[in-house]
PDB file of N, CA and C in Angstrom:
ATOM      1  N   MET A   1      -7.863  -5.464   6.445  1.00  0.00           N
ATOM      2  CA  MET A   1      -8.124  -4.361   6.991  1.00  0.00           C
ATOM      3  C   MET A   1      -9.487  -3.890   7.166  1.00  0.00           C
ATOM      4  N   ILE A   2      -9.774  -3.238   8.090  1.00  0.00           N
ATOM      5  CA  ILE A   2     -11.233  -2.448   8.314  1.00  0.00           C
ATOM      6  C   ILE A   2     -11.363  -1.255   7.574  1.00  0.00           C
ATOM      7  N   GLU A   3     -12.374  -1.020   6.648  1.00  0.00           N
ATOM      8  CA  GLU A   3     -12.484   0.198   6.140  1.00  0.00           C
ATOM      9  C   GLU A   3     -13.243   0.969   7.051  1.00  0.00           C
ATOM     10  N   THR A   4     -12.666   2.111   7.407  1.00  0.00           N
ATOM     11  CA  THR A   4     -13.368   3.213   8.204  1.00  0.00           C
ATOM     12  C   THR A   4     -13.538   4.519   7.435  1.00  0.00           C
ATOM     13  N   SER A   5     -14.323   5.304   8.033  1.00  0.00           N
ATOM     14  CA  SER A   5     -14.508   6.590   7.486  1.00  0.00           C
ATOM     15  C   SER A   5     -13.159   7.430   7.119  1.00  0.00           C
ATOM     16  N   ALA A   6     -12.335   7.315   8.274  1.00  0.00           N
ATOM     17  CA  ALA A   6     -11.009   8.075   8.067  1.00  0.00           C
ATOM     18  C   ALA A   6      -9.992   7.319   6.992  1.00  0.00           C
ATOM     19  N   THR A   7     -10.396   5.962   6.824  1.00  0.00           N
ATOM     20  CA  THR A   7      -9.530   5.194   5.958  1.00  0.00           C
ATOM     21  C   THR A   7      -9.766   5.552   4.353  1.00  0.00           C
ATOM     22  N   THR A   8     -11.167   5.764   4.562  1.00  0.00           N
ATOM     23  CA  THR A   8     -12.024   6.071   3.045  1.00  0.00           C
ATOM     24  C   THR A   8     -11.522   7.684   2.678  1.00  0.00           C
ATOM     25  N   GLU A   9     -11.668   8.569   3.661  1.00  0.00           N
ATOM     26  CA  GLU A   9     -11.299   9.836   3.449  1.00  0.00           C
ATOM     27  C   GLU A   9      -9.922   9.924   2.806  1.00  0.00           C
ATOM     28  N   ILE A  10      -8.702   9.370   3.541  1.00  0.00           N
ATOM     29  CA  ILE A  10      -7.291   9.341   3.183  1.00  0.00           C
ATOM     30  C   ILE A  10      -7.378   8.797   1.574  1.00  0.00           C
ATOM     31  N   ILE A  11      -8.103   7.590   1.442  1.00  0.00           N
ATOM     32  CA  ILE A  11      -8.033   7.182   0.154  1.00  0.00           C
ATOM     33  C   ILE A  11      -8.573   7.820  -0.959  1.00  0.00           C
ATOM     34  N   ASP A  12      -9.539   8.573  -0.636  1.00  0.00           N
ATOM     35  CA  ASP A  12     -10.223   9.494  -1.657  1.00  0.00           C
ATOM     36  C   ASP A  12      -9.142  10.694  -1.697  1.00  0.00           C
ATOM     37  N   PHE A  13      -8.707  11.354  -0.794  1.00  0.00           N
ATOM     38  CA  PHE A  13      -7.694  12.342  -1.180  1.00  0.00           C
ATOM     39  C   PHE A  13      -6.524  12.199  -1.746  1.00  0.00           C
ATOM     40  N   ILE A  14      -6.031  10.794  -1.516  1.00  0.00           N
ATOM     41  CA  ILE A  14      -4.907  10.453  -2.652  1.00  0.00           C
ATOM     42  C   ILE A  14      -5.233  10.280  -3.912  1.00  0.00           C
ATOM     43  N   ALA A  15      -6.372   9.709  -4.168  1.00  0.00           N
ATOM     44  CA  ALA A  15      -6.862   9.327  -5.381  1.00  0.00           C
ATOM     45  C   ALA A  15      -7.149  10.817  -6.214  1.00  0.00           C
ATOM     46  N   HIS A  16      -7.801  11.558  -5.552  1.00  0.00           N
ATOM     47  CA  HIS A  16      -8.191  12.806  -6.186  1.00  0.00           C
ATOM     48  C   HIS A  16      -7.175  13.715  -6.575  1.00  0.00           C
ATOM     49  N   GLU A  17      -6.013  13.724  -5.849  1.00  0.00           N
ATOM     50  CA  GLU A  17      -5.032  14.646  -6.011  1.00  0.00           C
ATOM     51  C   GLU A  17      -4.558  14.837  -7.502  1.00  0.00           C
ATOM     52  N   ASN A  18      -4.198  13.430  -7.928  1.00  0.00           N
ATOM     53  CA  ASN A  18      -3.626  13.219  -9.445  1.00  0.00           C
ATOM     54  C   ASN A  18      -3.975  11.785  -9.672  1.00  0.00           C
ATOM     55  N   PRO A  19      -5.062  11.491 -10.154  1.00  0.00           N
ATOM     56  CA  PRO A  19      -5.431  10.069 -10.616  1.00  0.00           C
ATOM     57  C   PRO A  19      -4.480   9.245 -11.386  1.00  0.00           C
ATOM     58  N   GLN A  20      -3.897  10.077 -12.270  1.00  0.00           N
ATOM     59  CA  GLN A  20      -2.993   9.338 -13.294  1.00  0.00           C
ATOM     60  C   GLN A  20      -1.737   9.181 -12.617  1.00  0.00           C
ATOM     61  N   LYS A  21      -1.331  10.095 -11.732  1.00  0.00           N
ATOM     62  CA  LYS A  21       0.117   9.799 -11.109  1.00  0.00           C
ATOM     63  C   LYS A  21      -0.015   8.441  -9.966  1.00  0.00           C
ATOM     64  N   VAL A  22      -1.409   8.509  -9.406  1.00  0.00           N
ATOM     65  CA  VAL A  22      -1.613   7.541  -8.553  1.00  0.00           C
ATOM     66  C   VAL A  22      -1.586   6.068  -9.389  1.00  0.00           C
ATOM     67  N   MET A  23      -2.167   6.022 -10.454  1.00  0.00           N
ATOM     68  CA  MET A  23      -2.199   4.897 -11.125  1.00  0.00           C
ATOM     69  C   MET A  23      -0.767   4.316 -11.606  1.00  0.00           C
ATOM     70  N   GLU A  24       0.173   5.342 -11.933  1.00  0.00           N
ATOM     71  CA  GLU A  24       1.486   4.896 -12.325  1.00  0.00           C
ATOM     72  C   GLU A  24       2.433   4.742 -11.414  1.00  0.00           C
ATOM     73  N   PHE A  25       2.194   5.025  -9.956  1.00  0.00           N
ATOM     74  CA  PHE A  25       2.886   4.842  -8.955  1.00  0.00           C
ATOM     75  C   PHE A  25       3.528   3.344  -8.830  1.00  0.00           C
ATOM     76  N   LYS A  26       4.770   3.168  -8.452  1.00  0.00           N
ATOM     77  CA  LYS A  26       5.397   1.829  -8.129  1.00  0.00           C
ATOM     78  C   LYS A  26       6.553   2.115  -7.136  1.00  0.00           C
ATOM     79  N   VAL A  27       6.489   1.404  -6.146  1.00  0.00           N
ATOM     80  CA  VAL A  27       7.908   1.346  -5.153  1.00  0.00           C
ATOM     81  C   VAL A  27       8.848   1.285  -6.056  1.00  0.00           C
ATOM     82  N   SER A  28      10.179   1.456  -5.390  1.00  0.00           N
ATOM     83  CA  SER A  28      11.313   1.164  -5.761  1.00  0.00           C
ATOM     84  C   SER A  28      11.801  -0.286  -5.666  1.00  0.00           C
ATOM     85  N   HIS A  29      12.723  -0.670  -6.672  1.00  0.00           N
ATOM     86  CA  HIS A  29      13.235  -2.097  -6.460  1.00  0.00           C
ATOM     87  C   HIS A  29      13.970  -2.337  -5.163  1.00  0.00           C
ATOM     88  N   LEU A  30      14.565  -1.292  -4.611  1.00  0.00           N
ATOM     89  CA  LEU A  30      15.030  -1.429  -3.294  1.00  0.00           C
ATOM     90  C   LEU A  30      14.138  -1.844  -2.203  1.00  0.00           C
ATOM     91  N   THR A  31      12.840  -1.013  -2.401  1.00  0.00           N
ATOM     92  CA  THR A  31      11.920  -1.302  -1.407  1.00  0.00           C
ATOM     93  C   THR A  31      11.346  -2.844  -1.607  1.00  0.00           C
ATOM     94  N   LYS A  32      11.103  -3.056  -2.697  1.00  0.00           N
ATOM     95  CA  LYS A  32      10.562  -4.556  -3.065  1.00  0.00           C
ATOM     96  C   LYS A  32      11.281  -5.574  -2.727  1.00  0.00           C
ATOM     97  N   GLN A  33      12.735  -5.358  -2.726  1.00  0.00           N
ATOM     98  CA  GLN A  33      13.689  -6.241  -2.093  1.00  0.00           C
ATOM     99  C   GLN A  33      13.606  -6.393  -0.820  1.00  0.00           C
ATOM    100  N   ARG A  34      13.320  -5.314  -0.168  1.00  0.00           N
ATOM    101  CA  ARG A  34      13.565  -5.054   1.557  1.00  0.00           C
ATOM    102  C   ARG A  34      11.838  -5.989   1.918  1.00  0.00           C
ATOM    103  N   VAL A  35      11.054  -5.698   1.145  1.00  0.00           N
ATOM    104  CA  VAL A  35       9.892  -6.497   1.533  1.00  0.00           C
ATOM    105  C   VAL A  35       9.861  -7.848   1.245  1.00  0.00           C
ATOM    106  N   PHE A  36      10.484  -8.398   0.399  1.00  0.00           N
ATOM    107  CA  PHE A  36      10.503  -9.736  -0.016  1.00  0.00           C
ATOM    108  C   PHE A  36      11.278 -10.320   1.125  1.00  0.00           C
ATOM    109  N   SER A  37      12.445  -9.446   1.426  1.00  0.00           N
ATOM    110  CA  SER A  37      13.079 -10.580   2.417  1.00  0.00           C
ATOM    111  C   SER A  37      12.516 -10.368   3.720  1.00  0.00           C
ATOM    112  N   LEU A  38      11.732  -9.305   4.047  1.00  0.00           N
ATOM    113  CA  LEU A  38      11.048  -9.406   5.347  1.00  0.00           C
ATOM    114  C   LEU A  38      10.060 -10.486   5.231  1.00  0.00           C
ATOM    115  N   ILE A  39       9.302 -10.773   4.362  1.00  0.00           N
ATOM    116  CA  ILE A  39       8.457 -11.774   3.912  1.00  0.00           C
ATOM    117  C   ILE A  39       9.049 -13.178   4.211  1.00  0.00           C
ATOM    118  N   GLU A  40      10.220 -13.418   3.495  1.00  0.00           N
ATOM    119  CA  GLU A  40      10.856 -14.545   3.603  1.00  0.00           C
ATOM    120  C   GLU A  40      11.311 -14.886   4.890  1.00  0.00           C
ATOM    121  N   ALA A  41      11.790 -13.999   5.717  1.00  0.00           N
ATOM    122  CA  ALA A  41      12.098 -14.096   7.072  1.00  0.00           C
ATOM    123  C   ALA A  41      10.911 -14.475   7.835  1.00  0.00           C
ATOM    124  N   SER A  42       9.945 -13.750   7.562  1.00  0.00           N
ATOM    125  CA  SER A  42       8.718 -14.124   8.645  1.00  0.00           C
ATOM    126  C   SER A  42       8.100 -15.452   8.325  1.00  0.00           C
ATOM    127  N   LYS A  43       8.144 -16.085   7.116  1.00  0.00           N
ATOM    128  CA  LYS A  43       7.781 -17.510   6.561  1.00  0.00           C
ATOM    129  C   LYS A  43       8.620 -18.443   7.586  1.00  0.00           C
ATOM    130  N   ASN A  44       9.999 -18.122   7.719  1.00  0.00           N
ATOM    131  CA  ASN A  44      10.931 -18.942   8.136  1.00  0.00           C
ATOM    132  C   ASN A  44      10.972 -18.604   9.623  1.00  0.00           C
ATOM    133  N   GLY A  45       9.939 -17.892  10.283  1.00  0.00           N
ATOM    134  CA  GLY A  45      10.004 -17.688  11.609  1.00  0.00           C
ATOM    135  C   GLY A  45      11.105 -16.923  12.287  1.00  0.00           C
ATOM    136  N   GLU A  46      11.884 -16.142  11.443  1.00  0.00           N
ATOM    137  CA  GLU A  46      12.947 -15.508  11.789  1.00  0.00           C
ATOM    138  C   GLU A  46      13.014 -13.945  11.770  1.00  0.00           C
ATOM    139  N   LEU A  47      11.822 -13.651  11.946  1.00  0.00           N
ATOM    140  CA  LEU A  47      11.510 -12.205  11.948  1.00  0.00           C
ATOM    141  C   LEU A  47      11.420 -11.398  13.123  1.00  0.00           C
ATOM    142  N   PRO A  48      12.407 -10.607  13.775  1.00  0.00           N
ATOM    143  CA  PRO A  48      12.460  -9.812  15.135  1.00  0.00           C
ATOM    144  C   PRO A  48      11.183  -9.042  15.135  1.00  0.00           C
ATOM    145  N   GLN A  49      10.859  -8.675  16.213  1.00  0.00           N
ATOM    146  CA  GLN A  49       9.653  -7.830  16.676  1.00  0.00           C
ATOM    147  C   GLN A  49       9.793  -6.600  15.844  1.00  0.00           C
ATOM    148  N   GLU A  50      10.786  -5.829  15.867  1.00  0.00           N
ATOM    149  CA  GLU A  50      10.747  -4.578  15.090  1.00  0.00           C
ATOM    150  C   GLU A  50      10.506  -4.778  13.645  1.00  0.00           C
ATOM    151  N   GLU A  51      11.113  -5.873  13.064  1.00  0.00           N
ATOM    152  CA  GLU A  51      10.885  -5.791  11.609  1.00  0.00           C
ATOM    153  C   GLU A  51       9.815  -6.444  11.294  1.00  0.00           C
ATOM    154  N   GLN A  52       8.906  -7.356  12.190  1.00  0.00           N
ATOM    155  CA  GLN A  52       7.602  -7.500  11.917  1.00  0.00           C
ATOM    156  C   GLN A  52       6.688  -6.171  11.900  1.00  0.00           C
ATOM    157  N   LYS A  53       7.103  -5.545  12.699  1.00  0.00           N
ATOM    158  CA  LYS A  53       6.275  -3.951  12.512  1.00  0.00           C
ATOM    159  C   LYS A  53       6.490  -3.373  11.491  1.00  0.00           C
ATOM    160  N   GLU A  54       7.792  -3.348  10.786  1.00  0.00           N
ATOM    161  CA  GLU A  54       7.992  -2.796   9.596  1.00  0.00           C
ATOM    162  C   GLU A  54       7.410  -3.310   8.444  1.00  0.00           C
ATOM    163  N   LEU A  55       7.134  -4.703   8.469  1.00  0.00           N
ATOM    164  CA  LEU A  55       6.373  -5.433   7.490  1.00  0.00           C
ATOM    165  C   LEU A  55       4.971  -5.256   7.509  1.00  0.00           C
ATOM    166  N   GLU A  56       4.391  -5.146   8.769  1.00  0.00           N
ATOM    167  CA  GLU A  56       2.932  -4.997   8.875  1.00  0.00           C
ATOM    168  C   GLU A  56       2.628  -3.441   8.334  1.00  0.00           C
ATOM    169  N   GLN A  57       3.676  -2.479   8.782  1.00  0.00           N
ATOM    170  CA  GLN A  57       3.510  -1.110   8.138  1.00  0.00           C
ATOM    171  C   GLN A  57       3.238  -1.125   6.536  1.00  0.00           C
ATOM    172  N   TYR A  58       4.277  -1.859   6.159  1.00  0.00           N
ATOM    173  CA  TYR A  58       4.132  -1.867   4.592  1.00  0.00           C
ATOM    174  C   TYR A  58       3.084  -2.482   3.978  1.00  0.00           C
ATOM    175  N   LEU A  59       2.566  -3.439   4.633  1.00  0.00           N
ATOM    176  CA  LEU A  59       1.370  -4.315   4.134  1.00  0.00           C
ATOM    177  C   LEU A  59       0.212  -3.281   4.264  1.00  0.00           C
ATOM    178  N   LEU A  60      -0.031  -2.468   5.352  1.00  0.00           N
ATOM    179  CA  LEU A  60      -0.839  -1.502   5.235  1.00  0.00           C
ATOM    180  C   LEU A  60      -0.746  -0.427   4.242  1.00  0.00           C
ATOM    181  N   LEU A  61       0.638   0.269   4.359  1.00  0.00           N
ATOM    182  CA  LEU A  61       0.461   1.058   3.173  1.00  0.00           C
ATOM    183  C   LEU A  61       0.124   0.763   1.670  1.00  0.00           C
ATOM    184  N   GLU A  62       0.696  -0.562   1.317  1.00  0.00           N
ATOM    185  CA  GLU A  62       0.370  -1.453   0.138  1.00  0.00           C
ATOM    186  C   GLU A  62      -1.025  -1.540   0.026  1.00  0.00           C
ATOM    187  N   HIS A  63      -2.037  -1.673   1.107  1.00  0.00           N
ATOM    188  CA  HIS A  63      -3.211  -1.915   0.862  1.00  0.00           C
ATOM    189  C   HIS A  63      -3.837  -0.528   0.628  1.00  0.00           C
ATOM    190  N   LEU A  64      -3.455   0.497   1.280  1.00  0.00           N
ATOM    191  CA  LEU A  64      -4.281   1.993   1.213  1.00  0.00           C
ATOM    192  C   LEU A  64      -3.748   2.233  -0.459  1.00  0.00           C
ATOM    193  N   MET A  65      -2.596   2.122  -0.773  1.00  0.00           N
ATOM    194  CA  MET A  65      -2.393   2.400  -2.455  1.00  0.00           C
ATOM    195  C   MET A  65      -3.177   1.538  -3.274  1.00  0.00           C
ATOM    196  N   ARG A  66      -3.287   0.293  -3.041  1.00  0.00           N
ATOM    197  CA  ARG A  66      -4.309  -0.372  -3.897  1.00  0.00           C
ATOM    198  C   ARG A  66      -5.594   0.070  -3.831  1.00  0.00           C
ATOM    199  N   MET A  67      -6.155   0.422  -2.619  1.00  0.00           N
ATOM    200  CA  MET A  67      -7.390   1.169  -2.756  1.00  0.00           C
ATOM    201  C   MET A  67      -7.296   2.531  -3.552  1.00  0.00           C
ATOM    202  N   ALA A  68      -6.423   3.127  -2.995  1.00  0.00           N
ATOM    203  CA  ALA A  68      -6.466   4.577  -3.873  1.00  0.00           C
ATOM    204  C   ALA A  68      -6.550   4.081  -5.546  1.00  0.00           C
ATOM    205  N   LYS A  69      -5.579   3.270  -5.994  1.00  0.00           N
ATOM    206  CA  LYS A  69      -5.322   3.075  -7.383  1.00  0.00           C
ATOM    207  C   LYS A  69      -6.812   2.515  -7.819  1.00  0.00           C
ATOM    208  N   ILE A  70      -7.661   1.709  -7.195  1.00  0.00           N
ATOM    209  CA  ILE A  70      -8.791   1.606  -7.373  1.00  0.00           C
ATOM    210  C   ILE A  70      -9.612   2.856  -7.694  1.00  0.00           C
ATOM    211  N   LYS A  71      -9.784   3.594  -6.673  1.00  0.00           N
ATOM    212  CA  LYS A  71     -10.509   4.917  -6.698  1.00  0.00           C
ATOM    213  C   LYS A  71      -9.974   5.814  -7.865  1.00  0.00           C
ATOM    214  N   ALA A  72      -8.585   5.750  -8.144  1.00  0.00           N
ATOM    215  CA  ALA A  72      -8.141   6.693  -9.109  1.00  0.00           C
ATOM    216  C   ALA A  72      -8.722   6.015 -10.413  1.00  0.00           C
ATOM    217  N   TYR A  73      -8.662   4.868 -10.458  1.00  0.00           N
ATOM    218  CA  TYR A  73      -9.165   4.228 -11.939  1.00  0.00           C
ATOM    219  C   TYR A  73     -10.621   4.607 -12.247  1.00  0.00           C
ATOM    220  N   GLN A  74     -11.643   4.477 -11.317  1.00  0.00           N
ATOM    221  CA  GLN A  74     -12.833   4.910 -11.234  1.00  0.00           C
ATOM    222  C   GLN A  74     -12.881   6.260 -11.646  1.00  0.00           C
ATOM    223  N   LEU A  75     -12.045   7.034 -11.034  1.00  0.00           N
ATOM    224  CA  LEU A  75     -12.168   8.504 -11.479  1.00  0.00           C
ATOM    225  C   LEU A  75     -11.712   8.687 -12.843  1.00  0.00           C
ATOM    226  N   LEU A  76     -10.642   8.251 -13.463  1.00  0.00           N
ATOM    227  CA  LEU A  76     -10.237   8.172 -14.810  1.00  0.00           C
ATOM    228  C   LEU A  76     -11.387   7.811 -15.658  1.00  0.00           C
ATOM    229  N   HIS A  77     -12.239   6.594 -15.478  1.00  0.00           N
ATOM    230  CA  HIS A  77     -12.792   5.868 -16.624  1.00  0.00           C
ATOM    231  C   HIS A  77     -14.480   6.221 -16.117  1.00  0.00           C
ATOM    232  N   GLY A  78     -14.410   7.277 -15.236  1.00  0.00           N
ATOM    233  CA  GLY A  78     -15.859   7.618 -15.127  1.00  0.00           C
ATOM    234  C   GLY A  78     -16.655   6.481 -14.444  1.00  0.00           C
ATOM    235  N   LYS A  79     -16.282   5.833 -13.722  1.00  0.00           N
ATOM    236  CA  LYS A  79     -17.316   4.826 -12.883  1.00  0.00           C
ATOM    237  C   LYS A  79     -17.431   4.913 -11.536  1.00  0.00           C
TER     238      LYS A  79
END
């Protein structure tokens, strides 16, 4: 994913709201199961276009959250 100024602004906003909560955030078990099932179907070439979009959306959100966690860590540890 290309980092744009808009992406950076959103990541900074999320991280600054409550860095500790951002660090502690984890998706639900149900969400994990859904994503793993989408990934498996994708590997097997069995993923309909609608579900491919769902997987791509999740991967984008996961990337944003990882970046927000990095920023939150930096805020909490003065880096």
